[in-house]
Amino acid sequence: MEFHCDNLLLNILIFAAGLWFLIKGSDVFVDSAAAIARIWKVPELVIGLTLVSIGTSLPEFASSLYAAWCGETDFIIGNVIGSNVTNITLILGAGVLGAGTLAFSPQLFSRDAILMLGVFVVTNLMVFCTDVQGREGIPVHGINIWSGILLLLMGIGYCFFLFRSAAENPAENPDSEPGHSSPLKSFLWLGTGLAMIIAGSKALVDTVVWGAEQLAVDTMIISATLVAFGTSVPELAVTLTGVFKKQHDIAIGNIIGSCSFNILLILGVCALVTPLGINSASGVINVAMMLASGIFLITFMSMEKNSLFRWQGVVLLLLYCGFLIYNFKDVISRFL
């Protein structure tokens, strides 16, 4: 059963409903998983660095995994790469602009931010040095199964390192309040959230692919911009909440962790399902633009006083504008 029809307005409504189910389902899933983790006395530090980051990446993961089963590899690359660019340039840029000065811990820069940039570099090397079978049966740049396995192993290693660091630093792991939900109730909500994620993912992918075909716009462009923004709403919510509550490490750490797990988890798993070929030149350029956004962020974080400043937020927002202009340049040219 396909979640689309021949009516544009109805498809827009299906897209909006799918996005709501995806985001709300992810929220329910994360809350339930956090409750289960607390019941099992998993440290709050580990929950924050892994569960929150992975949880806010669930919309991208679910929609990309469904796209992998359908063979829509441009959707996957566009969604993941576009989400990372959106997270760094638009969401973090807006957060820094709103806060004025966004302070962060030295460890967040020296460990997590540097790791994120390393993941971006490895991804670019994989894409530019690997050929896979494309949509037309000809070799194109992309990520094959071996690259996917490497990304997953890196993700597992990162999680293991975080768990080990938490265990070796008990002072950083204050006991959390015991959860009030029963394990059974938490698992039921976990299943409900998962069902909502699956339904929302199907509606999102089906309507985007249909819309791209009808409007003669590359699926890569729509997924890298519109879908990427929609699936980045959880990161936007967490970042803005962190800014308003003066929890700056959460505001920045959520972005950095999500960008790393978007690559390590999503591209890693999807590459095991199908080779991730990039069938358009814009996709390859977008991968390079992701690396550029990471370099800008690392440069800004290394400048002074472990803080990001308002002018840097402006630069990040301008980078996002450039990202949009590049992707929609052909569409814009039709109206000029």
C-alpha atoms as a PDB file:
ATOM      1  CA  MET A   1       0.000   0.000   0.000  1.00  0.00           C
ATOM      2  CA  GLU A   2       1.396   3.383  -1.050  1.00  0.00           C
ATOM      3  CA  PHE A   3       0.777   6.414   1.183  1.00  0.00           C
ATOM      4  CA  HIS A   4       0.078   8.889  -1.613  1.00  0.00           C
ATOM      5  CA  CYS A   5      -2.624   9.754  -4.145  1.00  0.00           C
ATOM      6  CA  ASP A   6      -2.995  11.844  -7.298  1.00  0.00           C
ATOM      7  CA  ASN A   7      -4.214  14.958  -5.470  1.00  0.00           C
ATOM      8  CA  LEU A   8      -1.477  17.448  -4.547  1.00  0.00           C
ATOM      9  CA  LEU A   9      -3.337  18.932  -1.565  1.00  0.00           C
ATOM     10  CA  LEU A  10      -4.076  15.519  -0.087  1.00  0.00           C
ATOM     11  CA  ASN A  11      -0.447  14.501  -0.548  1.00  0.00           C
ATOM     12  CA  ILE A  12       0.660  17.614   1.327  1.00  0.00           C
ATOM     13  CA  LEU A  13      -1.688  16.642   4.158  1.00  0.00           C
ATOM     14  CA  ILE A  14      -0.348  13.065   4.112  1.00  0.00           C
ATOM     15  CA  PHE A  15       3.208  14.447   4.213  1.00  0.00           C
ATOM     16  CA  ALA A  16       2.354  16.689   7.192  1.00  0.00           C
ATOM     17  CA  ALA A  17       0.593  13.838   9.008  1.00  0.00           C
ATOM     18  CA  GLY A  18       3.525  11.511   8.328  1.00  0.00           C
ATOM     19  CA  LEU A  19       5.977  14.091   9.664  1.00  0.00           C
ATOM     20  CA  TRP A  20       3.876  14.548  12.817  1.00  0.00           C
ATOM     21  CA  PHE A  21       3.669  10.784  13.397  1.00  0.00           C
ATOM     22  CA  LEU A  22       7.421  10.488  12.824  1.00  0.00           C
ATOM     23  CA  ILE A  23       8.347  13.250  15.274  1.00  0.00           C
ATOM     24  CA  LYS A  24       5.733  12.392  17.906  1.00  0.00           C
ATOM     25  CA  GLY A  25       6.528   8.692  17.637  1.00  0.00           C
ATOM     26  CA  SER A  26      10.215   9.436  18.088  1.00  0.00           C
ATOM     27  CA  ASP A  27       9.418  11.514  21.170  1.00  0.00           C
ATOM     28  CA  VAL A  28       7.361   8.684  22.697  1.00  0.00           C
ATOM     29  CA  PHE A  29      10.057   6.154  21.786  1.00  0.00           C
ATOM     30  CA  VAL A  30      12.853   8.202  23.391  1.00  0.00           C
ATOM     31  CA  ASP A  31      10.884   8.918  26.579  1.00  0.00           C
ATOM     32  CA  SER A  32      10.027   5.239  26.959  1.00  0.00           C
ATOM     33  CA  ALA A  33      13.604   4.153  26.287  1.00  0.00           C
ATOM     34  CA  ALA A  34      14.863   6.689  28.859  1.00  0.00           C
ATOM     35  CA  ALA A  35      12.401   5.330  31.433  1.00  0.00           C
ATOM     36  CA  ILE A  36      13.605   1.779  30.785  1.00  0.00           C
ATOM     37  CA  ALA A  37      17.232   2.927  31.033  1.00  0.00           C
ATOM     38  CA  ARG A  38      16.552   4.531  34.420  1.00  0.00           C
ATOM     39  CA  ILE A  39      14.788   1.416  35.666  1.00  0.00           C
ATOM     40  CA  TRP A  40      17.944  -0.509  34.775  1.00  0.00           C
ATOM     41  CA  LYS A  41      20.049   2.269  36.398  1.00  0.00           C
ATOM     42  CA  VAL A  42      21.921   3.342  33.277  1.00  0.00           C
ATOM     43  CA  PRO A  43      23.862   6.564  34.142  1.00  0.00           C
ATOM     44  CA  GLU A  44      22.296   9.859  33.076  1.00  0.00           C
ATOM     45  CA  LEU A  45      25.527  10.854  31.313  1.00  0.00           C
ATOM     46  CA  VAL A  46      25.314   7.826  29.049  1.00  0.00           C
ATOM     47  CA  ILE A  47      21.610   8.444  28.426  1.00  0.00           C
ATOM     48  CA  GLY A  48      22.330  12.018  27.380  1.00  0.00           C
ATOM     49  CA  LEU A  49      25.280  11.308  25.106  1.00  0.00           C
ATOM     50  CA  THR A  50      23.779   8.260  23.413  1.00  0.00           C
ATOM     51  CA  LEU A  51      20.013   8.004  23.857  1.00  0.00           C
ATOM     52  CA  VAL A  52      19.216  11.681  23.287  1.00  0.00           C
ATOM     53  CA  SER A  53      21.513  11.975  20.263  1.00  0.00           C
ATOM     54  CA  ILE A  54      20.312   8.702  18.725  1.00  0.00           C
ATOM     55  CA  GLY A  55      16.732   9.509  19.657  1.00  0.00           C
ATOM     56  CA  THR A  56      16.714  12.842  17.849  1.00  0.00           C
ATOM     57  CA  SER A  57      18.135  10.991  14.822  1.00  0.00           C
ATOM     58  CA  LEU A  58      15.272   8.473  14.793  1.00  0.00           C
ATOM     59  CA  PRO A  59      13.178  10.398  12.210  1.00  0.00           C
ATOM     60  CA  GLU A  60      16.107  10.371   9.782  1.00  0.00           C
ATOM     61  CA  PHE A  61      16.877   6.731  10.611  1.00  0.00           C
ATOM     62  CA  ALA A  62      13.333   5.442  10.164  1.00  0.00           C
ATOM     63  CA  SER A  63      12.615   7.288   6.913  1.00  0.00           C
ATOM     64  CA  SER A  64      16.053   6.384   5.492  1.00  0.00           C
ATOM     65  CA  LEU A  65      15.737   2.701   6.396  1.00  0.00           C
ATOM     66  CA  TYR A  66      12.382   2.497   4.645  1.00  0.00           C
ATOM     67  CA  ALA A  67      13.896   4.277   1.639  1.00  0.00           C
ATOM     68  CA  ALA A  68      16.723   1.701   1.637  1.00  0.00           C
ATOM     69  CA  TRP A  69      14.209  -1.134   1.323  1.00  0.00           C
ATOM     70  CA  CYS A  70      12.648   0.743  -1.597  1.00  0.00           C
ATOM     71  CA  GLY A  71      16.035   1.369  -3.248  1.00  0.00           C
ATOM     72  CA  GLU A  72      15.664   5.175  -3.004  1.00  0.00           C
ATOM     73  CA  THR A  73      19.333   5.818  -2.243  1.00  0.00           C
ATOM     74  CA  ASP A  74      19.262   9.508  -3.227  1.00  0.00           C
ATOM     75  CA  PHE A  75      16.600  10.052  -0.564  1.00  0.00           C
ATOM     76  CA  ILE A  76      18.877   8.468   2.061  1.00  0.00           C
ATOM     77  CA  ILE A  77      21.990  10.467   1.175  1.00  0.00           C
ATOM     78  CA  GLY A  78      20.012  13.686   0.846  1.00  0.00           C
ATOM     79  CA  ASN A  79      18.177  13.149   4.130  1.00  0.00           C
ATOM     80  CA  VAL A  80      21.284  12.339   6.198  1.00  0.00           C
ATOM     81  CA  ILE A  81      23.663  14.867   4.648  1.00  0.00           C
ATOM     82  CA  GLY A  82      20.990  17.575   4.504  1.00  0.00           C
ATOM     83  CA  SER A  83      20.068  16.967   8.150  1.00  0.00           C
ATOM     84  CA  ASN A  84      23.677  17.383   9.239  1.00  0.00           C
ATOM     85  CA  VAL A  85      24.087  20.613   7.290  1.00  0.00           C
ATOM     86  CA  THR A  86      20.747  21.866   8.661  1.00  0.00           C
ATOM     87  CA  ASN A  87      21.711  20.933  12.231  1.00  0.00           C
ATOM     88  CA  ILE A  88      25.018  22.801  12.143  1.00  0.00           C
ATOM     89  CA  THR A  89      24.190  25.833  10.030  1.00  0.00           C
ATOM     90  CA  LEU A  90      20.490  26.554  10.615  1.00  0.00           C
ATOM     91  CA  ILE A  91      19.634  25.078  14.021  1.00  0.00           C
ATOM     92  CA  LEU A  92      22.904  25.753  15.839  1.00  0.00           C
ATOM     93  CA  GLY A  93      23.266  29.063  14.016  1.00  0.00           C
ATOM     94  CA  ALA A  94      19.816  30.153  15.224  1.00  0.00           C
ATOM     95  CA  GLY A  95      20.637  28.957  18.743  1.00  0.00           C
ATOM     96  CA  VAL A  96      23.868  30.953  18.877  1.00  0.00           C
ATOM     97  CA  LEU A  97      22.154  34.001  17.407  1.00  0.00           C
ATOM     98  CA  GLY A  98      19.413  33.800  20.031  1.00  0.00           C
ATOM     99  CA  ALA A  99      21.753  33.168  22.973  1.00  0.00           C
ATOM    100  CA  GLY A 100      24.343  35.772  22.017  1.00  0.00           C
ATOM    101  CA  THR A 101      27.095  33.709  23.626  1.00  0.00           C
ATOM    102  CA  LEU A 102      26.869  29.920  23.799  1.00  0.00           C
ATOM    103  CA  ALA A 103      29.423  28.421  26.202  1.00  0.00           C
ATOM    104  CA  PHE A 104      30.450  24.756  26.102  1.00  0.00           C
ATOM    105  CA  SER A 105      32.771  22.422  28.020  1.00  0.00           C
ATOM    106  CA  PRO A 106      36.320  21.798  26.737  1.00  0.00           C
ATOM    107  CA  GLN A 107      35.608  18.046  26.640  1.00  0.00           C
ATOM    108  CA  LEU A 108      32.753  18.584  24.205  1.00  0.00           C
ATOM    109  CA  PHE A 109      35.194  20.155  21.761  1.00  0.00           C
ATOM    110  CA  SER A 110      38.256  17.949  22.316  1.00  0.00           C
ATOM    111  CA  ARG A 111      36.328  14.665  22.180  1.00  0.00           C
ATOM    112  CA  ASP A 112      32.888  14.836  20.558  1.00  0.00           C
ATOM    113  CA  ALA A 113      33.322  17.711  18.090  1.00  0.00           C
ATOM    114  CA  ILE A 114      36.677  16.421  16.830  1.00  0.00           C
ATOM    115  CA  LEU A 115      35.139  12.950  16.446  1.00  0.00           C
ATOM    116  CA  MET A 116      32.262  14.433  14.441  1.00  0.00           C
ATOM    117  CA  LEU A 117      34.688  16.139  12.064  1.00  0.00           C
ATOM    118  CA  GLY A 118      36.623  12.887  11.734  1.00  0.00           C
ATOM    119  CA  VAL A 119      33.399  11.083  10.807  1.00  0.00           C
ATOM    120  CA  PHE A 120      32.707  13.746   8.158  1.00  0.00           C
ATOM    121  CA  VAL A 121      36.213  13.312   6.705  1.00  0.00           C
ATOM    122  CA  VAL A 122      35.870   9.515   6.604  1.00  0.00           C
ATOM    123  CA  THR A 123      32.466   9.824   4.909  1.00  0.00           C
ATOM    124  CA  ASN A 124      33.877  12.102   2.209  1.00  0.00           C
ATOM    125  CA  LEU A 125      36.769   9.710   1.586  1.00  0.00           C
ATOM    126  CA  MET A 126      34.343   6.798   1.319  1.00  0.00           C
ATOM    127  CA  VAL A 127      32.105   8.624  -1.136  1.00  0.00           C
ATOM    128  CA  PHE A 128      34.874   9.939  -3.386  1.00  0.00           C
ATOM    129  CA  CYS A 129      36.972   6.760  -3.340  1.00  0.00           C
ATOM    130  CA  THR A 130      34.195   4.171  -3.702  1.00  0.00           C
ATOM    131  CA  ASP A 131      32.099   3.280  -6.747  1.00  0.00           C
ATOM    132  CA  VAL A 132      28.815   1.393  -6.487  1.00  0.00           C
ATOM    133  CA  GLN A 133      26.148   0.494  -9.014  1.00  0.00           C
ATOM    134  CA  GLY A 134      23.876   3.451  -9.658  1.00  0.00           C
ATOM    135  CA  ARG A 135      20.277   3.798 -10.749  1.00  0.00           C
ATOM    136  CA  GLU A 136      21.103   3.342 -14.438  1.00  0.00           C
ATOM    137  CA  GLY A 137      23.402   0.394 -13.792  1.00  0.00           C
ATOM    138  CA  ILE A 138      26.558   2.484 -14.237  1.00  0.00           C
ATOM    139  CA  PRO A 139      29.188   3.059 -11.508  1.00  0.00           C
ATOM    140  CA  VAL A 140      28.607   6.144  -9.334  1.00  0.00           C
ATOM    141  CA  HIS A 141      30.166   7.503  -6.160  1.00  0.00           C
ATOM    142  CA  GLY A 142      28.640   6.134  -2.976  1.00  0.00           C
ATOM    143  CA  ILE A 143      28.939   3.940   0.111  1.00  0.00           C
ATOM    144  CA  ASN A 144      29.147   0.156  -0.199  1.00  0.00           C
ATOM    145  CA  ILE A 145      28.528  -2.601   2.350  1.00  0.00           C
ATOM    146  CA  TRP A 146      32.135  -2.621   3.593  1.00  0.00           C
ATOM    147  CA  SER A 147      32.016   1.105   4.241  1.00  0.00           C
ATOM    148  CA  GLY A 148      28.717   0.583   6.041  1.00  0.00           C
ATOM    149  CA  ILE A 149      30.286  -2.062   8.286  1.00  0.00           C
ATOM    150  CA  LEU A 150      33.170   0.308   9.079  1.00  0.00           C
ATOM    151  CA  LEU A 151      30.748   3.106  10.008  1.00  0.00           C
ATOM    152  CA  LEU A 152      28.785   0.784  12.295  1.00  0.00           C
ATOM    153  CA  LEU A 153      31.960  -0.431  13.992  1.00  0.00           C
ATOM    154  CA  MET A 154      32.981   3.189  14.570  1.00  0.00           C
ATOM    155  CA  GLY A 155      29.560   3.893  16.088  1.00  0.00           C
ATOM    156  CA  ILE A 156      29.793   0.870  18.391  1.00  0.00           C
ATOM    157  CA  GLY A 157      33.305   1.913  19.410  1.00  0.00           C
ATOM    158  CA  TYR A 158      32.095   5.447  20.197  1.00  0.00           C
ATOM    159  CA  CYS A 159      29.246   4.138  22.375  1.00  0.00           C
ATOM    160  CA  PHE A 160      31.615   1.730  24.145  1.00  0.00           C
ATOM    161  CA  PHE A 161      34.015   4.600  24.826  1.00  0.00           C
ATOM    162  CA  LEU A 162      31.208   6.715  26.312  1.00  0.00           C
ATOM    163  CA  PHE A 163      30.025   3.869  28.552  1.00  0.00           C
ATOM    164  CA  ARG A 164      33.585   3.189  29.668  1.00  0.00           C
ATOM    165  CA  SER A 165      34.249   6.876  30.395  1.00  0.00           C
ATOM    166  CA  ALA A 166      31.057   7.058  32.443  1.00  0.00           C
ATOM    167  CA  ALA A 167      32.049   3.972  34.438  1.00  0.00           C
ATOM    168  CA  GLU A 168      35.509   5.381  35.133  1.00  0.00           C
ATOM    169  CA  ASN A 169      34.118   8.746  36.282  1.00  0.00           C
ATOM    170  CA  PRO A 170      31.354   7.962  38.786  1.00  0.00           C
ATOM    171  CA  ALA A 171      31.384  11.554  40.020  1.00  0.00           C
ATOM    172  CA  GLU A 172      29.919  12.582  36.656  1.00  0.00           C
ATOM    173  CA  ASN A 173      27.062  10.109  37.002  1.00  0.00           C
ATOM    174  CA  PRO A 174      24.815  11.296  39.815  1.00  0.00           C
ATOM    175  CA  ASP A 175      22.027   8.898  40.676  1.00  0.00           C
ATOM    176  CA  SER A 176      18.868   9.872  38.895  1.00  0.00           C
ATOM    177  CA  GLU A 177      15.450   9.710  40.457  1.00  0.00           C
ATOM    178  CA  PRO A 178      13.918   6.300  40.028  1.00  0.00           C
ATOM    179  CA  GLY A 179      11.407   6.051  37.246  1.00  0.00           C
ATOM    180  CA  HIS A 180       7.736   5.906  38.213  1.00  0.00           C
ATOM    181  CA  SER A 181       6.648   3.893  35.178  1.00  0.00           C
ATOM    182  CA  SER A 182       6.520   0.133  35.301  1.00  0.00           C
ATOM    183  CA  PRO A 183       8.691  -1.831  32.854  1.00  0.00           C
ATOM    184  CA  LEU A 184       5.591  -3.255  31.132  1.00  0.00           C
ATOM    185  CA  LYS A 185       4.053   0.191  30.600  1.00  0.00           C
ATOM    186  CA  SER A 186       7.353   1.546  29.308  1.00  0.00           C
ATOM    187  CA  PHE A 187       7.716  -1.311  26.806  1.00  0.00           C
ATOM    188  CA  LEU A 188       4.112  -0.815  25.610  1.00  0.00           C
ATOM    189  CA  TRP A 189       4.807   2.857  24.964  1.00  0.00           C
ATOM    190  CA  LEU A 190       8.062   1.865  23.285  1.00  0.00           C
ATOM    191  CA  GLY A 191       6.109  -0.343  20.853  1.00  0.00           C
ATOM    192  CA  THR A 192       3.553   2.422  20.254  1.00  0.00           C
ATOM    193  CA  GLY A 193       6.294   4.907  19.428  1.00  0.00           C
ATOM    194  CA  LEU A 194       7.926   2.433  17.056  1.00  0.00           C
ATOM    195  CA  ALA A 195       4.623   1.845  15.226  1.00  0.00           C
ATOM    196  CA  MET A 196       4.129   5.598  14.808  1.00  0.00           C
ATOM    197  CA  ILE A 197       7.679   5.961  13.492  1.00  0.00           C
ATOM    198  CA  ILE A 198       7.151   3.226  10.885  1.00  0.00           C
ATOM    199  CA  ALA A 199       3.838   4.681   9.670  1.00  0.00           C
ATOM    200  CA  GLY A 200       5.208   8.221   9.559  1.00  0.00           C
ATOM    201  CA  SER A 201       8.319   7.118   7.678  1.00  0.00           C
ATOM    202  CA  LYS A 202       6.307   5.407   4.957  1.00  0.00           C
ATOM    203  CA  ALA A 203       4.023   8.415   4.498  1.00  0.00           C
ATOM    204  CA  LEU A 204       7.007  10.765   4.345  1.00  0.00           C
ATOM    205  CA  VAL A 205       9.027   8.774   1.801  1.00  0.00           C
ATOM    206  CA  ASP A 206       6.060   7.883  -0.429  1.00  0.00           C
ATOM    207  CA  THR A 207       4.825  11.475  -0.735  1.00  0.00           C
ATOM    208  CA  VAL A 208       8.316  12.923  -1.283  1.00  0.00           C
ATOM    209  CA  VAL A 209       9.124  10.464  -4.076  1.00  0.00           C
ATOM    210  CA  TRP A 210       5.721  11.133  -5.700  1.00  0.00           C
ATOM    211  CA  GLY A 211       6.192  14.911  -5.412  1.00  0.00           C
ATOM    212  CA  ALA A 212       9.677  14.781  -6.904  1.00  0.00           C
ATOM    213  CA  GLU A 213       8.355  12.835  -9.896  1.00  0.00           C
ATOM    214  CA  GLN A 214       5.425  15.184 -10.445  1.00  0.00           C
ATOM    215  CA  LEU A 215       7.442  18.405 -10.101  1.00  0.00           C
ATOM    216  CA  ALA A 216      10.440  17.052 -12.038  1.00  0.00           C
ATOM    217  CA  VAL A 217      12.707  17.938  -9.099  1.00  0.00           C
ATOM    218  CA  ASP A 218      15.538  15.629  -8.059  1.00  0.00           C
ATOM    219  CA  THR A 219      14.647  13.509  -5.021  1.00  0.00           C
ATOM    220  CA  MET A 220      18.077  14.395  -3.626  1.00  0.00           C
ATOM    221  CA  ILE A 221      17.153  18.094  -3.520  1.00  0.00           C
ATOM    222  CA  ILE A 222      13.807  17.619  -1.774  1.00  0.00           C
ATOM    223  CA  SER A 223      15.211  15.176   0.783  1.00  0.00           C
ATOM    224  CA  ALA A 224      18.288  17.348   1.469  1.00  0.00           C
ATOM    225  CA  THR A 225      16.189  20.459   2.135  1.00  0.00           C
ATOM    226  CA  LEU A 226      12.493  19.983   2.959  1.00  0.00           C
ATOM    227  CA  VAL A 227      12.677  16.480   4.439  1.00  0.00           C
ATOM    228  CA  ALA A 228      15.976  17.205   6.193  1.00  0.00           C
ATOM    229  CA  PHE A 229      14.457  20.252   7.864  1.00  0.00           C
ATOM    230  CA  GLY A 230      11.365  18.304   8.916  1.00  0.00           C
ATOM    231  CA  THR A 231      13.314  15.401  10.403  1.00  0.00           C
ATOM    232  CA  SER A 232      15.625  17.866  12.199  1.00  0.00           C
ATOM    233  CA  VAL A 233      12.744  19.301  14.252  1.00  0.00           C
ATOM    234  CA  PRO A 234      13.692  17.164  17.325  1.00  0.00           C
ATOM    235  CA  GLU A 235      17.218  18.612  17.270  1.00  0.00           C
ATOM    236  CA  LEU A 236      15.713  22.090  16.908  1.00  0.00           C
ATOM    237  CA  ALA A 237      13.476  21.549  19.948  1.00  0.00           C
ATOM    238  CA  VAL A 238      16.317  20.189  22.115  1.00  0.00           C
ATOM    239  CA  THR A 239      18.739  22.937  21.067  1.00  0.00           C
ATOM    240  CA  LEU A 240      16.312  25.796  21.688  1.00  0.00           C
ATOM    241  CA  THR A 241      15.318  24.298  25.046  1.00  0.00           C
ATOM    242  CA  GLY A 242      18.991  24.047  25.985  1.00  0.00           C
ATOM    243  CA  VAL A 243      19.519  27.693  25.031  1.00  0.00           C
ATOM    244  CA  PHE A 244      16.494  28.954  27.002  1.00  0.00           C
ATOM    245  CA  LYS A 245      17.418  26.893  30.084  1.00  0.00           C
ATOM    246  CA  LYS A 246      21.111  27.900  29.873  1.00  0.00           C
ATOM    247  CA  GLN A 247      22.086  24.247  29.367  1.00  0.00           C
ATOM    248  CA  HIS A 248      24.516  25.064  26.600  1.00  0.00           C
ATOM    249  CA  ASP A 249      26.332  21.720  26.536  1.00  0.00           C
ATOM    250  CA  ILE A 250      23.011  20.060  25.766  1.00  0.00           C
ATOM    251  CA  ALA A 251      22.236  22.619  23.051  1.00  0.00           C
ATOM    252  CA  ILE A 252      25.547  22.061  21.264  1.00  0.00           C
ATOM    253  CA  GLY A 253      26.151  18.452  22.304  1.00  0.00           C
ATOM    254  CA  ASN A 254      22.797  17.368  20.893  1.00  0.00           C
ATOM    255  CA  ILE A 255      23.767  18.764  17.489  1.00  0.00           C
ATOM    256  CA  ILE A 256      27.249  17.236  17.497  1.00  0.00           C
ATOM    257  CA  GLY A 257      26.077  13.819  18.731  1.00  0.00           C
ATOM    258  CA  SER A 258      23.195  13.696  16.263  1.00  0.00           C
ATOM    259  CA  CYS A 259      25.469  14.565  13.325  1.00  0.00           C
ATOM    260  CA  SER A 260      27.850  11.740  14.267  1.00  0.00           C
ATOM    261  CA  PHE A 261      25.108   9.165  14.765  1.00  0.00           C
ATOM    262  CA  ASN A 262      23.335  10.248  11.569  1.00  0.00           C
ATOM    263  CA  ILE A 263      26.400   9.026   9.679  1.00  0.00           C
ATOM    264  CA  LEU A 264      27.527   6.105  11.841  1.00  0.00           C
ATOM    265  CA  LEU A 265      24.089   4.615  12.495  1.00  0.00           C
ATOM    266  CA  ILE A 266      21.915   5.592   9.545  1.00  0.00           C
ATOM    267  CA  LEU A 267      24.348   5.339   6.637  1.00  0.00           C
ATOM    268  CA  GLY A 268      25.979   2.315   8.290  1.00  0.00           C
ATOM    269  CA  VAL A 269      22.727   0.343   8.594  1.00  0.00           C
ATOM    270  CA  CYS A 270      21.293   1.469   5.249  1.00  0.00           C
ATOM    271  CA  ALA A 271      24.495   0.492   3.416  1.00  0.00           C
ATOM    272  CA  LEU A 272      23.969  -3.070   4.700  1.00  0.00           C
ATOM    273  CA  VAL A 273      20.522  -3.095   3.085  1.00  0.00           C
ATOM    274  CA  THR A 274      21.550  -1.647  -0.289  1.00  0.00           C
ATOM    275  CA  PRO A 275      24.627   0.110  -1.762  1.00  0.00           C
ATOM    276  CA  LEU A 276      24.133   3.855  -1.352  1.00  0.00           C
ATOM    277  CA  GLY A 277      24.837   5.228  -4.803  1.00  0.00           C
ATOM    278  CA  ILE A 278      24.744   8.995  -5.389  1.00  0.00           C
ATOM    279  CA  ASN A 279      23.028   9.457  -8.747  1.00  0.00           C
ATOM    280  CA  SER A 280      23.371  13.230  -9.068  1.00  0.00           C
ATOM    281  CA  ALA A 281      26.201  15.738  -8.989  1.00  0.00           C
ATOM    282  CA  SER A 282      24.355  17.787  -6.352  1.00  0.00           C
ATOM    283  CA  GLY A 283      24.570  14.825  -3.958  1.00  0.00           C
ATOM    284  CA  VAL A 284      28.356  14.686  -4.184  1.00  0.00           C
ATOM    285  CA  ILE A 285      28.600  18.458  -3.678  1.00  0.00           C
ATOM    286  CA  ASN A 286      26.273  18.271  -0.670  1.00  0.00           C
ATOM    287  CA  VAL A 287      28.576  15.700   0.955  1.00  0.00           C
ATOM    288  CA  ALA A 288      31.464  18.144   0.538  1.00  0.00           C
ATOM    289  CA  MET A 289      29.301  20.968   1.909  1.00  0.00           C
ATOM    290  CA  MET A 290      28.641  18.885   5.032  1.00  0.00           C
ATOM    291  CA  LEU A 291      32.401  18.634   5.601  1.00  0.00           C
ATOM    292  CA  ALA A 292      32.743  22.389   5.055  1.00  0.00           C
ATOM    293  CA  SER A 293      30.059  23.109   7.672  1.00  0.00           C
ATOM    294  CA  GLY A 294      31.865  20.828  10.130  1.00  0.00           C
ATOM    295  CA  ILE A 295      35.172  22.636   9.501  1.00  0.00           C
ATOM    296  CA  PHE A 296      33.507  26.001  10.128  1.00  0.00           C
ATOM    297  CA  LEU A 297      32.030  24.751  13.415  1.00  0.00           C
ATOM    298  CA  ILE A 298      35.332  23.276  14.628  1.00  0.00           C
ATOM    299  CA  THR A 299      37.150  26.490  13.694  1.00  0.00           C
ATOM    300  CA  PHE A 300      34.631  28.619  15.583  1.00  0.00           C
ATOM    301  CA  MET A 301      34.729  26.338  18.659  1.00  0.00           C
ATOM    302  CA  SER A 302      38.543  26.498  18.768  1.00  0.00           C
ATOM    303  CA  MET A 303      38.782  30.288  18.634  1.00  0.00           C
ATOM    304  CA  GLU A 304      38.445  31.508  22.237  1.00  0.00           C
ATOM    305  CA  LYS A 305      36.977  30.985  25.703  1.00  0.00           C
ATOM    306  CA  ASN A 306      35.119  27.761  24.838  1.00  0.00           C
ATOM    307  CA  SER A 307      32.187  29.778  23.499  1.00  0.00           C
ATOM    308  CA  LEU A 308      30.321  30.497  20.293  1.00  0.00           C
ATOM    309  CA  PHE A 309      29.346  34.101  19.599  1.00  0.00           C
ATOM    310  CA  ARG A 310      26.503  35.837  17.779  1.00  0.00           C
ATOM    311  CA  TRP A 311      28.551  36.812  14.712  1.00  0.00           C
ATOM    312  CA  GLN A 312      29.475  33.166  14.256  1.00  0.00           C
ATOM    313  CA  GLY A 313      25.780  32.269  14.360  1.00  0.00           C
ATOM    314  CA  VAL A 314      25.205  34.780  11.556  1.00  0.00           C
ATOM    315  CA  VAL A 315      27.946  33.131   9.463  1.00  0.00           C
ATOM    316  CA  LEU A 316      26.397  29.687  10.013  1.00  0.00           C
ATOM    317  CA  LEU A 317      22.976  30.977   8.927  1.00  0.00           C
ATOM    318  CA  LEU A 318      24.512  32.511   5.797  1.00  0.00           C
ATOM    319  CA  LEU A 319      26.077  29.125   5.018  1.00  0.00           C
ATOM    320  CA  TYR A 320      22.615  27.554   5.235  1.00  0.00           C
ATOM    321  CA  CYS A 321      21.267  30.166   2.818  1.00  0.00           C
ATOM    322  CA  GLY A 322      24.064  29.247   0.412  1.00  0.00           C
ATOM    323  CA  PHE A 323      23.210  25.568   0.817  1.00  0.00           C
ATOM    324  CA  LEU A 324      19.563  26.266  -0.112  1.00  0.00           C
ATOM    325  CA  ILE A 325      20.481  28.486  -3.065  1.00  0.00           C
ATOM    326  CA  TYR A 326      22.795  25.815  -4.481  1.00  0.00           C
ATOM    327  CA  ASN A 327      20.202  23.055  -4.215  1.00  0.00           C
ATOM    328  CA  PHE A 328      17.358  25.119  -5.647  1.00  0.00           C
ATOM    329  CA  LYS A 329      19.377  26.971  -8.298  1.00  0.00           C
ATOM    330  CA  ASP A 330      17.749  25.033 -11.159  1.00  0.00           C
ATOM    331  CA  VAL A 331      14.254  25.573  -9.741  1.00  0.00           C
ATOM    332  CA  ILE A 332      14.984  29.287  -9.256  1.00  0.00           C
ATOM    333  CA  SER A 333      16.275  29.601 -12.818  1.00  0.00           C
ATOM    334  CA  ARG A 334      12.902  28.415 -14.171  1.00  0.00           C
ATOM    335  CA  PHE A 335      11.262  31.552 -12.781  1.00  0.00           C
ATOM    336  CA  LEU A 336      13.951  34.014 -13.904  1.00  0.00           C
END
